[in-house]
């Protein structure tokens, strides 16, 4: 039986670990060939080696214009085109009140979480116009609600939903579908880093406020990303897809 992404040519940013790596493994298992993009060159190369002929590592700073143009060009040249783009790269930034938040950190979060998404859309959409395709952007529950002391992250994840909706409208005439996946809390290095910055001593303070009473797994987010990347979601565009254990319904 053919895989759900059989013959699809994909790019995944933020692919070296966490949700991005889980998505890469799932996409490859379902038949996609993938350009893996991340600033972390060593784990990226290890993942590409693990996936074998299905994947090519492309170390890059996704917030840099030339690098973003380059990884899209690499997909066109080495894969022969682009059917699926997963814009997943992101950073959490600092945990501090607005009045204490550094300008430098705010700018870096916006560069990685927003500018990089805008660049990916800008350079990928023209490559996808002839045949259409699917673009998936990783947002967060912080894209639909706020949490104290993470102003840059919250602003960035709201912003990418706006970018997604604009891209969905502009891409529709070319059958380019664009959606966001909004996870939280997921058992990744990012969530544990955020816990440490908050001074949390255990998982309980974040996971126990979730209706399902646990962290999600990266593979659970990857499953939603796979659906949106595949032809099964052919009438889905402009959507915000929650993978959050019920957090968007309310905290308990």
C-alpha atoms as a PDB file:
ATOM      1  CA  UNK A   1       0.000   0.000   0.000  1.00  0.00           C
ATOM      2  CA  UNK A   2       1.329   3.430  -0.949  1.00  0.00           C
ATOM      3  CA  UNK A   3       2.188   5.843   1.824  1.00  0.00           C
ATOM      4  CA  UNK A   4       0.064   8.890   2.499  1.00  0.00           C
ATOM      5  CA  UNK A   5       2.844  11.149   1.149  1.00  0.00           C
ATOM      6  CA  UNK A   6       4.097   8.815  -1.562  1.00  0.00           C
ATOM      7  CA  UNK A   7       5.930  10.854  -4.210  1.00  0.00           C
ATOM      8  CA  UNK A   8       5.618  14.123  -2.262  1.00  0.00           C
ATOM      9  CA  UNK A   9       8.603  16.469  -2.054  1.00  0.00           C
ATOM     10  CA  UNK A  10       8.819  18.237   1.296  1.00  0.00           C
ATOM     11  CA  UNK A  11      10.817  20.771   3.275  1.00  0.00           C
ATOM     12  CA  UNK A  12      10.760  20.795   7.081  1.00  0.00           C
ATOM     13  CA  UNK A  13      12.347  23.624   9.067  1.00  0.00           C
ATOM     14  CA  UNK A  14      13.305  23.162  12.694  1.00  0.00           C
ATOM     15  CA  UNK A  15      13.811  19.517  11.786  1.00  0.00           C
ATOM     16  CA  UNK A  16      16.731  18.571  14.033  1.00  0.00           C
ATOM     17  CA  UNK A  17      14.744  17.670  17.139  1.00  0.00           C
ATOM     18  CA  UNK A  18      11.366  17.688  18.852  1.00  0.00           C
ATOM     19  CA  UNK A  19       8.252  18.103  16.738  1.00  0.00           C
ATOM     20  CA  UNK A  20      10.245  18.742  13.564  1.00  0.00           C
ATOM     21  CA  UNK A  21      12.202  15.497  13.883  1.00  0.00           C
ATOM     22  CA  UNK A  22       9.032  13.547  14.665  1.00  0.00           C
ATOM     23  CA  UNK A  23       7.381  15.015  11.573  1.00  0.00           C
ATOM     24  CA  UNK A  24      10.416  14.158   9.449  1.00  0.00           C
ATOM     25  CA  UNK A  25      10.323  10.525  10.567  1.00  0.00           C
ATOM     26  CA  UNK A  26       6.577  10.291   9.932  1.00  0.00           C
ATOM     27  CA  UNK A  27       6.730  12.008   6.531  1.00  0.00           C
ATOM     28  CA  UNK A  28       9.592   9.748   5.418  1.00  0.00           C
ATOM     29  CA  UNK A  29       7.740   6.653   6.603  1.00  0.00           C
ATOM     30  CA  UNK A  30       4.769   7.748   4.488  1.00  0.00           C
ATOM     31  CA  UNK A  31       6.839   8.070   1.318  1.00  0.00           C
ATOM     32  CA  UNK A  32       8.013  11.702   1.205  1.00  0.00           C
ATOM     33  CA  UNK A  33      11.470  12.866   0.190  1.00  0.00           C
ATOM     34  CA  UNK A  34      12.555  15.677   2.473  1.00  0.00           C
ATOM     35  CA  UNK A  35      14.954  18.593   2.758  1.00  0.00           C
ATOM     36  CA  UNK A  36      15.684  18.890   6.499  1.00  0.00           C
ATOM     37  CA  UNK A  37      16.500  22.440   7.609  1.00  0.00           C
ATOM     38  CA  UNK A  38      17.868  23.562  10.978  1.00  0.00           C
ATOM     39  CA  UNK A  39      20.648  25.637  12.496  1.00  0.00           C
ATOM     40  CA  UNK A  40      21.767  22.619  14.565  1.00  0.00           C
ATOM     41  CA  UNK A  41      23.995  20.913  12.018  1.00  0.00           C
ATOM     42  CA  UNK A  42      25.085  17.808  13.965  1.00  0.00           C
ATOM     43  CA  UNK A  43      21.680  16.447  15.043  1.00  0.00           C
ATOM     44  CA  UNK A  44      20.339  17.404  11.616  1.00  0.00           C
ATOM     45  CA  UNK A  45      23.012  15.302   9.894  1.00  0.00           C
ATOM     46  CA  UNK A  46      22.307  12.414  12.271  1.00  0.00           C
ATOM     47  CA  UNK A  47      18.600  12.524  11.434  1.00  0.00           C
ATOM     48  CA  UNK A  48      19.323  12.626   7.699  1.00  0.00           C
ATOM     49  CA  UNK A  49      21.598   9.586   8.093  1.00  0.00           C
ATOM     50  CA  UNK A  50      18.858   7.775  10.026  1.00  0.00           C
ATOM     51  CA  UNK A  51      16.307   8.456   7.279  1.00  0.00           C
ATOM     52  CA  UNK A  52      18.687   7.443   4.499  1.00  0.00           C
ATOM     53  CA  UNK A  53      17.728   8.186   0.911  1.00  0.00           C
ATOM     54  CA  UNK A  54      14.507   9.877   2.044  1.00  0.00           C
ATOM     55  CA  UNK A  55      16.238  12.964   3.469  1.00  0.00           C
ATOM     56  CA  UNK A  56      18.877  15.591   2.761  1.00  0.00           C
ATOM     57  CA  UNK A  57      20.299  17.816   5.524  1.00  0.00           C
ATOM     58  CA  UNK A  58      20.457  21.547   4.860  1.00  0.00           C
ATOM     59  CA  UNK A  59      21.927  23.485   7.818  1.00  0.00           C
ATOM     60  CA  UNK A  60      20.616  27.054   7.647  1.00  0.00           C
ATOM     61  CA  UNK A  61      19.485  30.056   9.660  1.00  0.00           C
ATOM     62  CA  UNK A  62      15.863  30.226   8.542  1.00  0.00           C
ATOM     63  CA  UNK A  63      15.586  33.893   9.516  1.00  0.00           C
ATOM     64  CA  UNK A  64      18.252  34.859   6.956  1.00  0.00           C
ATOM     65  CA  UNK A  65      16.873  35.881   3.564  1.00  0.00           C
ATOM     66  CA  UNK A  66      19.606  34.261   1.471  1.00  0.00           C
ATOM     67  CA  UNK A  67      19.443  31.047   3.498  1.00  0.00           C
ATOM     68  CA  UNK A  68      15.667  30.832   3.178  1.00  0.00           C
ATOM     69  CA  UNK A  69      15.843  31.395  -0.562  1.00  0.00           C
ATOM     70  CA  UNK A  70      18.590  28.775  -0.666  1.00  0.00           C
ATOM     71  CA  UNK A  71      16.743  25.945   1.051  1.00  0.00           C
ATOM     72  CA  UNK A  72      13.715  26.437  -1.208  1.00  0.00           C
ATOM     73  CA  UNK A  73      15.995  26.464  -4.262  1.00  0.00           C
ATOM     74  CA  UNK A  74      17.664  23.288  -2.995  1.00  0.00           C
ATOM     75  CA  UNK A  75      14.285  21.556  -2.828  1.00  0.00           C
ATOM     76  CA  UNK A  76      13.511  22.593  -6.403  1.00  0.00           C
ATOM     77  CA  UNK A  77      16.908  21.424  -7.642  1.00  0.00           C
ATOM     78  CA  UNK A  78      17.489  18.231  -5.642  1.00  0.00           C
ATOM     79  CA  UNK A  79      13.908  17.021  -5.280  1.00  0.00           C
ATOM     80  CA  UNK A  80      12.617  18.395  -8.560  1.00  0.00           C
ATOM     81  CA  UNK A  81       9.963  20.556  -6.977  1.00  0.00           C
ATOM     82  CA  UNK A  82       8.067  21.241  -3.764  1.00  0.00           C
ATOM     83  CA  UNK A  83       4.715  19.805  -2.668  1.00  0.00           C
ATOM     84  CA  UNK A  84       4.815  20.215   1.112  1.00  0.00           C
ATOM     85  CA  UNK A  85       6.391  22.897   3.300  1.00  0.00           C
ATOM     86  CA  UNK A  86       6.392  22.569   7.085  1.00  0.00           C
ATOM     87  CA  UNK A  87       7.506  25.853   8.661  1.00  0.00           C
ATOM     88  CA  UNK A  88       8.206  24.549  12.131  1.00  0.00           C
ATOM     89  CA  UNK A  89      11.357  26.342  13.368  1.00  0.00           C
ATOM     90  CA  UNK A  90      10.875  28.398  16.517  1.00  0.00           C
ATOM     91  CA  UNK A  91      12.381  29.554  19.802  1.00  0.00           C
ATOM     92  CA  UNK A  92      10.747  30.398  23.123  1.00  0.00           C
ATOM     93  CA  UNK A  93      12.728  33.490  24.167  1.00  0.00           C
ATOM     94  CA  UNK A  94      12.884  34.781  27.737  1.00  0.00           C
ATOM     95  CA  UNK A  95      10.437  34.535  30.616  1.00  0.00           C
ATOM     96  CA  UNK A  96      10.096  38.066  31.990  1.00  0.00           C
ATOM     97  CA  UNK A  97       7.506  40.817  32.412  1.00  0.00           C
ATOM     98  CA  UNK A  98       7.165  43.218  29.493  1.00  0.00           C
ATOM     99  CA  UNK A  99       8.963  45.954  31.425  1.00  0.00           C
ATOM    100  CA  UNK A 100      12.017  43.728  31.906  1.00  0.00           C
ATOM    101  CA  UNK A 101      12.053  41.972  28.523  1.00  0.00           C
ATOM    102  CA  UNK A 102      15.149  42.727  26.442  1.00  0.00           C
ATOM    103  CA  UNK A 103      14.798  44.314  23.022  1.00  0.00           C
ATOM    104  CA  UNK A 104      17.498  42.009  21.657  1.00  0.00           C
ATOM    105  CA  UNK A 105      15.626  38.869  22.687  1.00  0.00           C
ATOM    106  CA  UNK A 106      12.316  40.210  21.393  1.00  0.00           C
ATOM    107  CA  UNK A 107      13.897  40.903  18.002  1.00  0.00           C
ATOM    108  CA  UNK A 108      15.476  37.435  17.842  1.00  0.00           C
ATOM    109  CA  UNK A 109      12.207  35.673  18.694  1.00  0.00           C
ATOM    110  CA  UNK A 110      10.362  37.647  16.041  1.00  0.00           C
ATOM    111  CA  UNK A 111      13.109  36.912  13.496  1.00  0.00           C
ATOM    112  CA  UNK A 112      13.010  33.133  14.008  1.00  0.00           C
ATOM    113  CA  UNK A 113       9.289  32.729  14.692  1.00  0.00           C
ATOM    114  CA  UNK A 114       7.786  35.287  12.282  1.00  0.00           C
ATOM    115  CA  UNK A 115      10.310  36.615   9.752  1.00  0.00           C
ATOM    116  CA  UNK A 116      11.418  33.048   8.946  1.00  0.00           C
ATOM    117  CA  UNK A 117       7.823  31.987   8.297  1.00  0.00           C
ATOM    118  CA  UNK A 118       7.258  35.022   6.073  1.00  0.00           C
ATOM    119  CA  UNK A 119      10.454  34.243   4.141  1.00  0.00           C
ATOM    120  CA  UNK A 120       9.465  30.605   3.709  1.00  0.00           C
ATOM    121  CA  UNK A 121       6.066  31.617   2.354  1.00  0.00           C
ATOM    122  CA  UNK A 122       7.570  34.277   0.117  1.00  0.00           C
ATOM    123  CA  UNK A 123      10.022  31.955  -1.601  1.00  0.00           C
ATOM    124  CA  UNK A 124       8.035  28.709  -1.562  1.00  0.00           C
ATOM    125  CA  UNK A 125       4.667  29.855  -2.878  1.00  0.00           C
ATOM    126  CA  UNK A 126       5.910  30.771  -6.382  1.00  0.00           C
ATOM    127  CA  UNK A 127       7.518  27.316  -6.636  1.00  0.00           C
ATOM    128  CA  UNK A 128       4.188  25.683  -5.764  1.00  0.00           C
ATOM    129  CA  UNK A 129       1.906  27.672  -8.070  1.00  0.00           C
ATOM    130  CA  UNK A 130       2.016  25.285 -11.009  1.00  0.00           C
ATOM    131  CA  UNK A 131       0.968  22.125  -9.150  1.00  0.00           C
ATOM    132  CA  UNK A 132      -0.388  23.364  -5.816  1.00  0.00           C
ATOM    133  CA  UNK A 133       0.561  21.886  -2.478  1.00  0.00           C
ATOM    134  CA  UNK A 134       0.293  22.182   1.270  1.00  0.00           C
ATOM    135  CA  UNK A 135       2.029  24.564   3.673  1.00  0.00           C
ATOM    136  CA  UNK A 136       1.808  23.903   7.406  1.00  0.00           C
ATOM    137  CA  UNK A 137       2.978  26.477   9.961  1.00  0.00           C
ATOM    138  CA  UNK A 138       3.646  25.606  13.596  1.00  0.00           C
ATOM    139  CA  UNK A 139       1.911  28.080  15.875  1.00  0.00           C
ATOM    140  CA  UNK A 140       0.911  27.329  19.493  1.00  0.00           C
ATOM    141  CA  UNK A 141      -1.878  27.709  21.997  1.00  0.00           C
ATOM    142  CA  UNK A 142      -0.019  30.980  22.613  1.00  0.00           C
ATOM    143  CA  UNK A 143      -1.276  31.962  19.166  1.00  0.00           C
ATOM    144  CA  UNK A 144      -4.881  32.088  20.393  1.00  0.00           C
ATOM    145  CA  UNK A 145      -4.476  33.062  24.052  1.00  0.00           C
ATOM    146  CA  UNK A 146      -1.980  34.823  26.271  1.00  0.00           C
ATOM    147  CA  UNK A 147       0.288  33.789  29.124  1.00  0.00           C
ATOM    148  CA  UNK A 148       2.085  36.185  31.434  1.00  0.00           C
ATOM    149  CA  UNK A 149       5.795  36.863  30.947  1.00  0.00           C
ATOM    150  CA  UNK A 150       6.263  35.421  27.435  1.00  0.00           C
ATOM    151  CA  UNK A 151       5.271  38.479  25.418  1.00  0.00           C
ATOM    152  CA  UNK A 152       7.582  37.905  22.437  1.00  0.00           C
ATOM    153  CA  UNK A 153       6.598  34.261  22.024  1.00  0.00           C
ATOM    154  CA  UNK A 154       2.905  35.076  22.354  1.00  0.00           C
ATOM    155  CA  UNK A 155       3.142  37.918  19.837  1.00  0.00           C
ATOM    156  CA  UNK A 156       5.045  35.728  17.396  1.00  0.00           C
ATOM    157  CA  UNK A 157       2.578  32.859  17.523  1.00  0.00           C
ATOM    158  CA  UNK A 158      -0.380  35.205  17.032  1.00  0.00           C
ATOM    159  CA  UNK A 159       1.479  36.752  14.094  1.00  0.00           C
ATOM    160  CA  UNK A 160       2.018  33.497  12.204  1.00  0.00           C
ATOM    161  CA  UNK A 161      -1.716  32.803  12.273  1.00  0.00           C
ATOM    162  CA  UNK A 162      -2.219  36.119  10.503  1.00  0.00           C
ATOM    163  CA  UNK A 163       0.470  35.239   7.970  1.00  0.00           C
ATOM    164  CA  UNK A 164      -1.138  31.832   7.424  1.00  0.00           C
ATOM    165  CA  UNK A 165      -4.547  33.364   6.728  1.00  0.00           C
ATOM    166  CA  UNK A 166      -3.119  35.853   4.247  1.00  0.00           C
ATOM    167  CA  UNK A 167      -1.160  33.108   2.496  1.00  0.00           C
ATOM    168  CA  UNK A 168      -4.245  30.859   2.399  1.00  0.00           C
ATOM    169  CA  UNK A 169      -6.220  33.567   0.602  1.00  0.00           C
ATOM    170  CA  UNK A 170      -3.400  34.350  -1.817  1.00  0.00           C
ATOM    171  CA  UNK A 171      -2.582  30.705  -2.462  1.00  0.00           C
ATOM    172  CA  UNK A 172      -6.131  29.449  -2.998  1.00  0.00           C
ATOM    173  CA  UNK A 173      -6.261  30.259  -6.703  1.00  0.00           C
ATOM    174  CA  UNK A 174      -3.193  28.050  -7.192  1.00  0.00           C
ATOM    175  CA  UNK A 175      -4.501  25.229  -4.967  1.00  0.00           C
ATOM    176  CA  UNK A 176      -1.882  26.026  -2.332  1.00  0.00           C
ATOM    177  CA  UNK A 177      -3.390  25.183   1.039  1.00  0.00           C
ATOM    178  CA  UNK A 178      -2.014  26.861   4.172  1.00  0.00           C
ATOM    179  CA  UNK A 179      -2.878  25.982   7.783  1.00  0.00           C
ATOM    180  CA  UNK A 180      -1.418  26.214  11.277  1.00  0.00           C
ATOM    181  CA  UNK A 181      -0.961  23.477  13.842  1.00  0.00           C
ATOM    182  CA  UNK A 182      -1.192  24.799  17.394  1.00  0.00           C
ATOM    183  CA  UNK A 183       0.368  22.521  20.004  1.00  0.00           C
ATOM    184  CA  UNK A 184       0.914  22.852  23.735  1.00  0.00           C
ATOM    185  CA  UNK A 185       2.183  21.499  26.011  1.00  0.00           C
ATOM    186  CA  UNK A 186       4.396  18.968  24.215  1.00  0.00           C
ATOM    187  CA  UNK A 187       7.233  16.958  25.774  1.00  0.00           C
ATOM    188  CA  UNK A 188      10.164  18.630  23.989  1.00  0.00           C
ATOM    189  CA  UNK A 189      13.376  20.425  24.878  1.00  0.00           C
ATOM    190  CA  UNK A 190      11.574  23.745  24.383  1.00  0.00           C
ATOM    191  CA  UNK A 191       8.917  23.067  27.011  1.00  0.00           C
ATOM    192  CA  UNK A 192      11.516  21.870  29.516  1.00  0.00           C
ATOM    193  CA  UNK A 193      13.628  24.966  28.863  1.00  0.00           C
ATOM    194  CA  UNK A 194      10.546  27.106  29.464  1.00  0.00           C
ATOM    195  CA  UNK A 195       9.879  25.279  32.729  1.00  0.00           C
ATOM    196  CA  UNK A 196      13.411  25.962  33.936  1.00  0.00           C
ATOM    197  CA  UNK A 197      13.098  29.632  33.075  1.00  0.00           C
ATOM    198  CA  UNK A 198       9.847  29.754  35.024  1.00  0.00           C
ATOM    199  CA  UNK A 199      11.525  28.087  37.984  1.00  0.00           C
ATOM    200  CA  UNK A 200       9.212  25.066  37.896  1.00  0.00           C
ATOM    201  CA  UNK A 201      10.446  22.092  39.868  1.00  0.00           C
ATOM    202  CA  UNK A 202       8.388  19.433  38.125  1.00  0.00           C
ATOM    203  CA  UNK A 203       6.157  18.817  35.117  1.00  0.00           C
ATOM    204  CA  UNK A 204       3.069  19.212  37.254  1.00  0.00           C
ATOM    205  CA  UNK A 205       2.725  22.999  37.090  1.00  0.00           C
ATOM    206  CA  UNK A 206       2.262  22.958  33.305  1.00  0.00           C
ATOM    207  CA  UNK A 207       0.897  19.526  32.432  1.00  0.00           C
ATOM    208  CA  UNK A 208      -1.611  19.232  35.275  1.00  0.00           C
ATOM    209  CA  UNK A 209      -3.427  22.361  34.127  1.00  0.00           C
ATOM    210  CA  UNK A 210      -4.146  20.585  30.848  1.00  0.00           C
ATOM    211  CA  UNK A 211      -7.531  18.832  30.650  1.00  0.00           C
ATOM    212  CA  UNK A 212      -5.875  15.574  29.513  1.00  0.00           C
ATOM    213  CA  UNK A 213      -3.508  15.845  32.508  1.00  0.00           C
ATOM    214  CA  UNK A 214      -0.261  15.191  30.635  1.00  0.00           C
ATOM    215  CA  UNK A 215       2.183  16.515  28.091  1.00  0.00           C
ATOM    216  CA  UNK A 216       1.550  15.625  24.490  1.00  0.00           C
ATOM    217  CA  UNK A 217       4.149  13.715  22.496  1.00  0.00           C
ATOM    218  CA  UNK A 218       5.866  15.124  19.387  1.00  0.00           C
ATOM    219  CA  UNK A 219       4.475  12.200  17.399  1.00  0.00           C
ATOM    220  CA  UNK A 220       0.921  13.307  18.240  1.00  0.00           C
ATOM    221  CA  UNK A 221       1.584  16.705  16.672  1.00  0.00           C
ATOM    222  CA  UNK A 222       3.306  15.055  13.707  1.00  0.00           C
ATOM    223  CA  UNK A 223       0.131  13.055  13.055  1.00  0.00           C
ATOM    224  CA  UNK A 224      -1.856  16.264  12.566  1.00  0.00           C
ATOM    225  CA  UNK A 225       0.899  17.695  10.383  1.00  0.00           C
ATOM    226  CA  UNK A 226       0.800  14.537   8.263  1.00  0.00           C
ATOM    227  CA  UNK A 227      -2.950  14.903   7.750  1.00  0.00           C
ATOM    228  CA  UNK A 228      -2.580  18.522   6.641  1.00  0.00           C
ATOM    229  CA  UNK A 229       0.376  17.688   4.390  1.00  0.00           C
ATOM    230  CA  UNK A 230      -1.489  14.845   2.699  1.00  0.00           C
ATOM    231  CA  UNK A 231      -4.225  14.920   0.079  1.00  0.00           C
ATOM    232  CA  UNK A 232      -6.666  13.804   2.788  1.00  0.00           C
ATOM    233  CA  UNK A 233      -6.956  17.478   3.784  1.00  0.00           C
ATOM    234  CA  UNK A 234      -7.657  18.655   0.233  1.00  0.00           C
ATOM    235  CA  UNK A 235     -10.488  21.010   1.331  1.00  0.00           C
ATOM    236  CA  UNK A 236      -8.677  22.374   4.394  1.00  0.00           C
ATOM    237  CA  UNK A 237      -7.071  25.802   4.149  1.00  0.00           C
ATOM    238  CA  UNK A 238      -6.913  28.872   6.357  1.00  0.00           C
ATOM    239  CA  UNK A 239      -7.466  26.717   9.442  1.00  0.00           C
ATOM    240  CA  UNK A 240      -6.099  26.705  12.986  1.00  0.00           C
ATOM    241  CA  UNK A 241      -5.727  23.091  14.137  1.00  0.00           C
ATOM    242  CA  UNK A 242      -5.297  22.556  17.875  1.00  0.00           C
ATOM    243  CA  UNK A 243      -3.206  19.675  19.269  1.00  0.00           C
ATOM    244  CA  UNK A 244      -3.213  20.822  22.870  1.00  0.00           C
ATOM    245  CA  UNK A 245      -4.822  18.321  25.224  1.00  0.00           C
ATOM    246  CA  UNK A 246      -7.810  20.615  25.610  1.00  0.00           C
ATOM    247  CA  UNK A 247      -5.949  23.755  26.726  1.00  0.00           C
ATOM    248  CA  UNK A 248      -7.807  25.910  24.194  1.00  0.00           C
ATOM    249  CA  UNK A 249     -11.088  24.818  25.809  1.00  0.00           C
ATOM    250  CA  UNK A 250      -9.865  25.992  29.216  1.00  0.00           C
ATOM    251  CA  UNK A 251      -7.441  25.177  32.012  1.00  0.00           C
ATOM    252  CA  UNK A 252      -8.551  22.992  34.904  1.00  0.00           C
END
